[in-house]
Amino acid sequence: MSAFDPGAGTRVRIDIPDENDPDHDTYHGRHGVVEGVMQDDASETTGDEQDDRLYRVTFDDGTTTDFRRRDLRPPLDQ
């Protein structure tokens, strides 16, 4: 996988490939813009320092949700 690391203002696509994930139907394939990047301490549980960043994404319909880096990809509609 490439070193895609979105910052504020970056257009992204949500990728949740696991169809059993409760967020799959709601978010998989949707596009939006990263509005901000926040920090927390999730890596203490997961062991992955990338999990310490939460990306606040505003979708094209105006709704906003936070995601981990693993759920973000470059947009398909560049």
PDB file of N, CA and C in Angstrom:
ATOM      1  N   MET A   1       0.844  -1.177   0.000  1.00  0.00           N
ATOM      2  CA  MET A   1       0.000   0.000   0.000  1.00  0.00           C
ATOM      3  C   MET A   1       0.888   1.238   0.000  1.00  0.00           C
ATOM      4  N   SER A   2       0.420   2.289  -0.654  1.00  0.00           N
ATOM      5  CA  SER A   2       1.196   3.528  -0.738  1.00  0.00           C
ATOM      6  C   SER A   2       1.192   4.256   0.598  1.00  0.00           C
ATOM      7  N   ALA A   3       1.976   5.320   0.662  1.00  0.00           N
ATOM      8  CA  ALA A   3       2.106   6.105   1.887  1.00  0.00           C
ATOM      9  C   ALA A   3       1.066   7.220   1.929  1.00  0.00           C
ATOM     10  N   PHE A   4      -0.160   6.947   1.534  1.00  0.00           N
ATOM     11  CA  PHE A   4      -1.238   7.928   1.560  1.00  0.00           C
ATOM     12  C   PHE A   4      -1.473   8.350   3.001  1.00  0.00           C
ATOM     13  N   ASP A   5      -1.263   9.628   3.292  1.00  0.00           N
ATOM     14  CA  ASP A   5      -1.452  10.155   4.645  1.00  0.00           C
ATOM     15  C   ASP A   5      -2.180  11.486   4.529  1.00  0.00           C
ATOM     16  N   PRO A   6      -3.504  11.431   4.553  1.00  0.00           N
ATOM     17  CA  PRO A   6      -4.290  12.637   4.291  1.00  0.00           C
ATOM     18  C   PRO A   6      -4.220  13.653   5.414  1.00  0.00           C
ATOM     19  N   GLY A   7      -4.132  14.892   5.044  1.00  0.00           N
ATOM     20  CA  GLY A   7      -4.201  15.986   6.003  1.00  0.00           C
ATOM     21  C   GLY A   7      -5.484  16.763   5.776  1.00  0.00           C
ATOM     22  N   ALA A   8      -5.675  17.804   6.562  1.00  0.00           N
ATOM     23  CA  ALA A   8      -6.861  18.639   6.424  1.00  0.00           C
ATOM     24  C   ALA A   8      -6.971  19.158   4.995  1.00  0.00           C
ATOM     25  N   GLY A   9      -8.173  19.081   4.439  1.00  0.00           N
ATOM     26  CA  GLY A   9      -8.424  19.542   3.088  1.00  0.00           C
ATOM     27  C   GLY A   9      -8.293  18.474   2.025  1.00  0.00           C
ATOM     28  N   THR A  10      -7.830  17.282   2.382  1.00  0.00           N
ATOM     29  CA  THR A  10      -7.639  16.197   1.427  1.00  0.00           C
ATOM     30  C   THR A  10      -8.964  15.477   1.159  1.00  0.00           C
ATOM     31  N   ARG A  11      -9.283  15.282  -0.100  1.00  0.00           N
ATOM     32  CA  ARG A  11     -10.467  14.506  -0.464  1.00  0.00           C
ATOM     33  C   ARG A  11     -10.129  13.025  -0.337  1.00  0.00           C
ATOM     34  N   VAL A  12     -11.030  12.262   0.290  1.00  0.00           N
ATOM     35  CA  VAL A  12     -10.782  10.843   0.560  1.00  0.00           C
ATOM     36  C   VAL A  12     -12.015  10.007   0.226  1.00  0.00           C
ATOM     37  N   ARG A  13     -11.770   8.698   0.140  1.00  0.00           N
ATOM     38  CA  ARG A  13     -12.823   7.693  -0.021  1.00  0.00           C
ATOM     39  C   ARG A  13     -12.739   6.766   1.188  1.00  0.00           C
ATOM     40  N   ILE A  14     -13.867   6.385   1.731  1.00  0.00           N
ATOM     41  CA  ILE A  14     -13.891   5.461   2.865  1.00  0.00           C
ATOM     42  C   ILE A  14     -13.854   4.036   2.337  1.00  0.00           C
ATOM     43  N   ASP A  15     -12.955   3.230   2.892  1.00  0.00           N
ATOM     44  CA  ASP A  15     -12.799   1.842   2.467  1.00  0.00           C
ATOM     45  C   ASP A  15     -12.918   0.936   3.691  1.00  0.00           C
ATOM     46  N   ILE A  16     -14.074   0.295   3.831  1.00  0.00           N
ATOM     47  CA  ILE A  16     -14.307  -0.682   4.901  1.00  0.00           C
ATOM     48  C   ILE A  16     -14.715  -1.976   4.204  1.00  0.00           C
ATOM     49  N   PRO A  17     -13.721  -2.781   3.790  1.00  0.00           N
ATOM     50  CA  PRO A  17     -14.013  -3.941   2.947  1.00  0.00           C
ATOM     51  C   PRO A  17     -14.736  -5.090   3.663  1.00  0.00           C
ATOM     52  N   ASP A  18     -14.646  -5.153   4.978  1.00  0.00           N
ATOM     53  CA  ASP A  18     -15.278  -6.235   5.724  1.00  0.00           C
ATOM     54  C   ASP A  18     -16.788  -6.010   5.774  1.00  0.00           C
ATOM     55  N   GLU A  19     -17.535  -6.806   5.020  1.00  0.00           N
ATOM     56  CA  GLU A  19     -18.991  -6.648   4.964  1.00  0.00           C
ATOM     57  C   GLU A  19     -19.671  -6.947   6.296  1.00  0.00           C
ATOM     58  N   ASN A  20     -18.960  -7.570   7.229  1.00  0.00           N
ATOM     59  CA  ASN A  20     -19.507  -7.843   8.559  1.00  0.00           C
ATOM     60  C   ASN A  20     -19.284  -6.686   9.526  1.00  0.00           C
ATOM     61  N   ASP A  21     -18.450  -5.723   9.128  1.00  0.00           N
ATOM     62  CA  ASP A  21     -18.223  -4.548   9.960  1.00  0.00           C
ATOM     63  C   ASP A  21     -19.524  -3.743  10.008  1.00  0.00           C
ATOM     64  N   PRO A  22     -19.981  -3.351  11.197  1.00  0.00           N
ATOM     65  CA  PRO A  22     -21.248  -2.623  11.282  1.00  0.00           C
ATOM     66  C   PRO A  22     -21.251  -1.288  10.532  1.00  0.00           C
ATOM     67  N   ASP A  23     -20.078  -0.721  10.231  1.00  0.00           N
ATOM     68  CA  ASP A  23     -19.997   0.550   9.507  1.00  0.00           C
ATOM     69  C   ASP A  23     -19.925   0.379   7.987  1.00  0.00           C
ATOM     70  N   HIS A  24     -19.772  -0.865   7.520  1.00  0.00           N
ATOM     71  CA  HIS A  24     -19.599  -1.103   6.082  1.00  0.00           C
ATOM     72  C   HIS A  24     -20.740  -0.510   5.250  1.00  0.00           C
ATOM     73  N   ASP A  25     -21.966  -0.881   5.552  1.00  0.00           N
ATOM     74  CA  ASP A  25     -23.100  -0.429   4.731  1.00  0.00           C
ATOM     75  C   ASP A  25     -23.286   1.084   4.775  1.00  0.00           C
ATOM     76  N   THR A  26     -22.963   1.689   5.906  1.00  0.00           N
ATOM     77  CA  THR A  26     -23.171   3.129   6.061  1.00  0.00           C
ATOM     78  C   THR A  26     -22.099   3.963   5.369  1.00  0.00           C
ATOM     79  N   TYR A  27     -20.840   3.509   5.423  1.00  0.00           N
ATOM     80  CA  TYR A  27     -19.740   4.378   4.985  1.00  0.00           C
ATOM     81  C   TYR A  27     -18.916   3.880   3.806  1.00  0.00           C
ATOM     82  N   HIS A  28     -18.835   2.588   3.565  1.00  0.00           N
ATOM     83  CA  HIS A  28     -17.950   2.053   2.519  1.00  0.00           C
ATOM     84  C   HIS A  28     -18.253   2.681   1.159  1.00  0.00           C
ATOM     85  N   GLY A  29     -17.210   3.233   0.543  1.00  0.00           N
ATOM     86  CA  GLY A  29     -17.319   3.817  -0.788  1.00  0.00           C
ATOM     87  C   GLY A  29     -17.718   5.282  -0.814  1.00  0.00           C
ATOM     88  N   ARG A  30     -18.048   5.851   0.321  1.00  0.00           N
ATOM     89  CA  ARG A  30     -18.440   7.265   0.356  1.00  0.00           C
ATOM     90  C   ARG A  30     -17.205   8.164   0.236  1.00  0.00           C
ATOM     91  N   HIS A  31     -17.403   9.356  -0.292  1.00  0.00           N
ATOM     92  CA  HIS A  31     -16.333  10.331  -0.466  1.00  0.00           C
ATOM     93  C   HIS A  31     -16.598  11.552   0.396  1.00  0.00           C
ATOM     94  N   GLY A  32     -15.509  12.178   0.829  1.00  0.00           N
ATOM     95  CA  GLY A  32     -15.609  13.396   1.607  1.00  0.00           C
ATOM     96  C   GLY A  32     -14.260  14.076   1.707  1.00  0.00           C
ATOM     97  N   VAL A  33     -14.192  15.081   2.571  1.00  0.00           N
ATOM     98  CA  VAL A  33     -12.973  15.872   2.756  1.00  0.00           C
ATOM     99  C   VAL A  33     -12.564  15.805   4.223  1.00  0.00           C
ATOM    100  N   VAL A  34     -11.257  15.592   4.466  1.00  0.00           N
ATOM    101  CA  VAL A  34     -10.736  15.603   5.827  1.00  0.00           C
ATOM    102  C   VAL A  34     -10.790  17.041   6.340  1.00  0.00           C
ATOM    103  N   GLU A  35     -11.528  17.258   7.396  1.00  0.00           N
ATOM    104  CA  GLU A  35     -11.671  18.598   7.975  1.00  0.00           C
ATOM    105  C   GLU A  35     -10.649  18.846   9.080  1.00  0.00           C
ATOM    106  N   GLY A  36     -10.151  17.782   9.679  1.00  0.00           N
ATOM    107  CA  GLY A  36      -9.159  17.936  10.729  1.00  0.00           C
ATOM    108  C   GLY A  36      -8.630  16.583  11.173  1.00  0.00           C
ATOM    109  N   VAL A  37      -7.484  16.622  11.847  1.00  0.00           N
ATOM    110  CA  VAL A  37      -6.861  15.404  12.361  1.00  0.00           C
ATOM    111  C   VAL A  37      -6.677  15.597  13.858  1.00  0.00           C
ATOM    112  N   MET A  38      -7.201  14.661  14.634  1.00  0.00           N
ATOM    113  CA  MET A  38      -7.119  14.730  16.093  1.00  0.00           C
ATOM    114  C   MET A  38      -6.252  13.589  16.615  1.00  0.00           C
ATOM    115  N   GLN A  39      -5.815  13.713  17.835  1.00  0.00           N
ATOM    116  CA  GLN A  39      -4.973  12.702  18.476  1.00  0.00           C
ATOM    117  C   GLN A  39      -5.726  12.039  19.625  1.00  0.00           C
ATOM    118  N   ASP A  40      -5.455  10.762  19.823  1.00  0.00           N
ATOM    119  CA  ASP A  40      -5.899  10.057  21.025  1.00  0.00           C
ATOM    120  C   ASP A  40      -4.843   9.017  21.367  1.00  0.00           C
ATOM    121  N   ASP A  41      -5.160   8.067  22.205  1.00  0.00           N
ATOM    122  CA  ASP A  41      -4.163   7.086  22.639  1.00  0.00           C
ATOM    123  C   ASP A  41      -4.564   5.662  22.279  1.00  0.00           C
ATOM    124  N   ALA A  42      -5.236   5.471  21.147  1.00  0.00           N
ATOM    125  CA  ALA A  42      -5.689   4.152  20.730  1.00  0.00           C
ATOM    126  C   ALA A  42      -4.544   3.162  20.539  1.00  0.00           C
ATOM    127  N   SER A  43      -3.343   3.655  20.238  1.00  0.00           N
ATOM    128  CA  SER A  43      -2.211   2.745  20.024  1.00  0.00           C
ATOM    129  C   SER A  43      -1.862   1.966  21.279  1.00  0.00           C
ATOM    130  N   GLU A  44      -2.242   2.470  22.434  1.00  0.00           N
ATOM    131  CA  GLU A  44      -1.998   1.714  23.665  1.00  0.00           C
ATOM    132  C   GLU A  44      -2.769   0.402  23.654  1.00  0.00           C
ATOM    133  N   THR A  45      -3.888   0.372  22.949  1.00  0.00           N
ATOM    134  CA  THR A  45      -4.686  -0.848  22.832  1.00  0.00           C
ATOM    135  C   THR A  45      -4.291  -1.660  21.608  1.00  0.00           C
ATOM    136  N   THR A  46      -4.072  -0.966  20.465  1.00  0.00           N
ATOM    137  CA  THR A  46      -3.835  -1.672  19.201  1.00  0.00           C
ATOM    138  C   THR A  46      -2.371  -1.981  18.918  1.00  0.00           C
ATOM    139  N   GLY A  47      -1.466  -1.200  19.510  1.00  0.00           N
ATOM    140  CA  GLY A  47      -0.049  -1.376  19.234  1.00  0.00           C
ATOM    141  C   GLY A  47       0.411  -0.697  17.951  1.00  0.00           C
ATOM    142  N   ASP A  48      -0.474   0.003  17.256  1.00  0.00           N
ATOM    143  CA  ASP A  48      -0.149   0.685  16.007  1.00  0.00           C
ATOM    144  C   ASP A  48      -0.248   2.190  16.220  1.00  0.00           C
ATOM    145  N   GLU A  49       0.889   2.888  16.126  1.00  0.00           N
ATOM    146  CA  GLU A  49       0.916   4.329  16.376  1.00  0.00           C
ATOM    147  C   GLU A  49       0.027   5.114  15.415  1.00  0.00           C
ATOM    148  N   GLN A  50      -0.234   4.579  14.215  1.00  0.00           N
ATOM    149  CA  GLN A  50      -1.121   5.270  13.282  1.00  0.00           C
ATOM    150  C   GLN A  50      -2.536   5.374  13.843  1.00  0.00           C
ATOM    151  N   ASP A  51      -2.882   4.489  14.759  1.00  0.00           N
ATOM    152  CA  ASP A  51      -4.221   4.515  15.353  1.00  0.00           C
ATOM    153  C   ASP A  51      -4.421   5.680  16.315  1.00  0.00           C
ATOM    154  N   ASP A  52      -3.362   6.415  16.621  1.00  0.00           N
ATOM    155  CA  ASP A  52      -3.484   7.584  17.498  1.00  0.00           C
ATOM    156  C   ASP A  52      -4.086   8.790  16.788  1.00  0.00           C
ATOM    157  N   ARG A  53      -4.292   8.680  15.475  1.00  0.00           N
ATOM    158  CA  ARG A  53      -4.869   9.788  14.715  1.00  0.00           C
ATOM    159  C   ARG A  53      -6.293   9.451  14.293  1.00  0.00           C
ATOM    160  N   LEU A  54      -7.182  10.386  14.544  1.00  0.00           N
ATOM    161  CA  LEU A  54      -8.565  10.311  14.079  1.00  0.00           C
ATOM    162  C   LEU A  54      -8.746  11.385  13.019  1.00  0.00           C
ATOM    163  N   TYR A  55      -9.295  10.990  11.895  1.00  0.00           N
ATOM    164  CA  TYR A  55      -9.503  11.908  10.782  1.00  0.00           C
ATOM    165  C   TYR A  55     -10.986  12.253  10.723  1.00  0.00           C
ATOM    166  N   ARG A  56     -11.313  13.521  10.910  1.00  0.00           N
ATOM    167  CA  ARG A  56     -12.709  13.968  10.825  1.00  0.00           C
ATOM    168  C   ARG A  56     -13.025  14.238   9.358  1.00  0.00           C
ATOM    169  N   VAL A  57     -13.966  13.458   8.818  1.00  0.00           N
ATOM    170  CA  VAL A  57     -14.332  13.545   7.403  1.00  0.00           C
ATOM    171  C   VAL A  57     -15.737  14.124   7.279  1.00  0.00           C
ATOM    172  N   THR A  58     -15.866  15.145   6.452  1.00  0.00           N
ATOM    173  CA  THR A  58     -17.175  15.693   6.107  1.00  0.00           C
ATOM    174  C   THR A  58     -17.543  15.179   4.726  1.00  0.00           C
ATOM    175  N   PHE A  59     -18.656  14.455   4.655  1.00  0.00           N
ATOM    176  CA  PHE A  59     -19.107  13.860   3.406  1.00  0.00           C
ATOM    177  C   PHE A  59     -19.778  14.894   2.524  1.00  0.00           C
ATOM    178  N   ASP A  60     -19.983  14.517   1.285  1.00  0.00           N
ATOM    179  CA  ASP A  60     -20.589  15.409   0.303  1.00  0.00           C
ATOM    180  C   ASP A  60     -21.988  15.867   0.718  1.00  0.00           C
ATOM    181  N   ASP A  61     -22.681  15.077   1.555  1.00  0.00           N
ATOM    182  CA  ASP A  61     -24.024  15.472   2.000  1.00  0.00           C
ATOM    183  C   ASP A  61     -23.987  16.345   3.255  1.00  0.00           C
ATOM    184  N   GLY A  62     -22.766  16.674   3.740  1.00  0.00           N
ATOM    185  CA  GLY A  62     -22.618  17.559   4.888  1.00  0.00           C
ATOM    186  C   GLY A  62     -22.484  16.864   6.230  1.00  0.00           C
ATOM    187  N   THR A  63     -22.701  15.550   6.286  1.00  0.00           N
ATOM    188  CA  THR A  63     -22.535  14.828   7.550  1.00  0.00           C
ATOM    189  C   THR A  63     -21.051  14.627   7.840  1.00  0.00           C
ATOM    190  N   THR A  64     -20.726  14.476   9.114  1.00  0.00           N
ATOM    191  CA  THR A  64     -19.339  14.366   9.550  1.00  0.00           C
ATOM    192  C   THR A  64     -19.169  13.144  10.448  1.00  0.00           C
ATOM    193  N   THR A  65     -18.080  12.392  10.225  1.00  0.00           N
ATOM    194  CA  THR A  65     -17.757  11.219  11.037  1.00  0.00           C
ATOM    195  C   THR A  65     -16.245  11.110  11.148  1.00  0.00           C
ATOM    196  N   ASP A  66     -15.758  10.501  12.241  1.00  0.00           N
ATOM    197  CA  ASP A  66     -14.323  10.301  12.463  1.00  0.00           C
ATOM    198  C   ASP A  66     -13.919   8.889  12.057  1.00  0.00           C
ATOM    199  N   PHE A  67     -12.723   8.779  11.445  1.00  0.00           N
ATOM    200  CA  PHE A  67     -12.204   7.499  10.978  1.00  0.00           C
ATOM    201  C   PHE A  67     -10.736   7.359  11.342  1.00  0.00           C
ATOM    202  N   ARG A  68     -10.273   6.125  11.384  1.00  0.00           N
ATOM    203  CA  ARG A  68      -8.846   5.828  11.537  1.00  0.00           C
ATOM    204  C   ARG A  68      -8.218   5.797  10.151  1.00  0.00           C
ATOM    205  N   ARG A  69      -6.922   5.933  10.096  1.00  0.00           N
ATOM    206  CA  ARG A  69      -6.159   5.954   8.846  1.00  0.00           C
ATOM    207  C   ARG A  69      -6.465   4.730   7.981  1.00  0.00           C
ATOM    208  N   ARG A  70      -6.623   3.571   8.591  1.00  0.00           N
ATOM    209  CA  ARG A  70      -6.818   2.326   7.837  1.00  0.00           C
ATOM    210  C   ARG A  70      -8.080   2.353   6.965  1.00  0.00           C
ATOM    211  N   ASP A  71      -9.026   3.245   7.276  1.00  0.00           N
ATOM    212  CA  ASP A  71     -10.297   3.321   6.545  1.00  0.00           C
ATOM    213  C   ASP A  71     -10.285   4.334   5.403  1.00  0.00           C
ATOM    214  N   LEU A  72      -9.165   5.028   5.203  1.00  0.00           N
ATOM    215  CA  LEU A  72      -9.121   6.110   4.216  1.00  0.00           C
ATOM    216  C   LEU A  72      -8.270   5.722   3.002  1.00  0.00           C
ATOM    217  N   ARG A  73      -8.772   6.093   1.827  1.00  0.00           N
ATOM    218  CA  ARG A  73      -8.058   5.864   0.559  1.00  0.00           C
ATOM    219  C   ARG A  73      -8.183   7.114  -0.287  1.00  0.00           C
ATOM    220  N   PRO A  74      -7.352   7.201  -1.334  1.00  0.00           N
ATOM    221  CA  PRO A  74      -7.539   8.305  -2.286  1.00  0.00           C
ATOM    222  C   PRO A  74      -8.916   8.175  -2.942  1.00  0.00           C
ATOM    223  N   PRO A  75      -9.504   9.277  -3.352  1.00  0.00           N
ATOM    224  CA  PRO A  75     -10.834   9.228  -3.959  1.00  0.00           C
ATOM    225  C   PRO A  75     -10.810   8.579  -5.344  1.00  0.00           C
ATOM    226  N   LEU A  76     -11.954   8.023  -5.735  1.00  0.00           N
ATOM    227  CA  LEU A  76     -12.090   7.466  -7.072  1.00  0.00           C
ATOM    228  C   LEU A  76     -12.445   8.551  -8.081  1.00  0.00           C
ATOM    229  N   ASP A  77     -12.996   9.667  -7.600  1.00  0.00           N
ATOM    230  CA  ASP A  77     -13.479  10.723  -8.490  1.00  0.00           C
ATOM    231  C   ASP A  77     -12.559  11.933  -8.506  1.00  0.00           C
ATOM    232  N   GLN A  78     -11.281  11.689  -8.736  1.00  0.00           N
ATOM    233  CA  GLN A  78     -10.316  12.793  -8.695  1.00  0.00           C
ATOM    234  C   GLN A  78     -10.502  13.733  -9.814  1.00  0.00           C
TER     235      GLN A  78
END
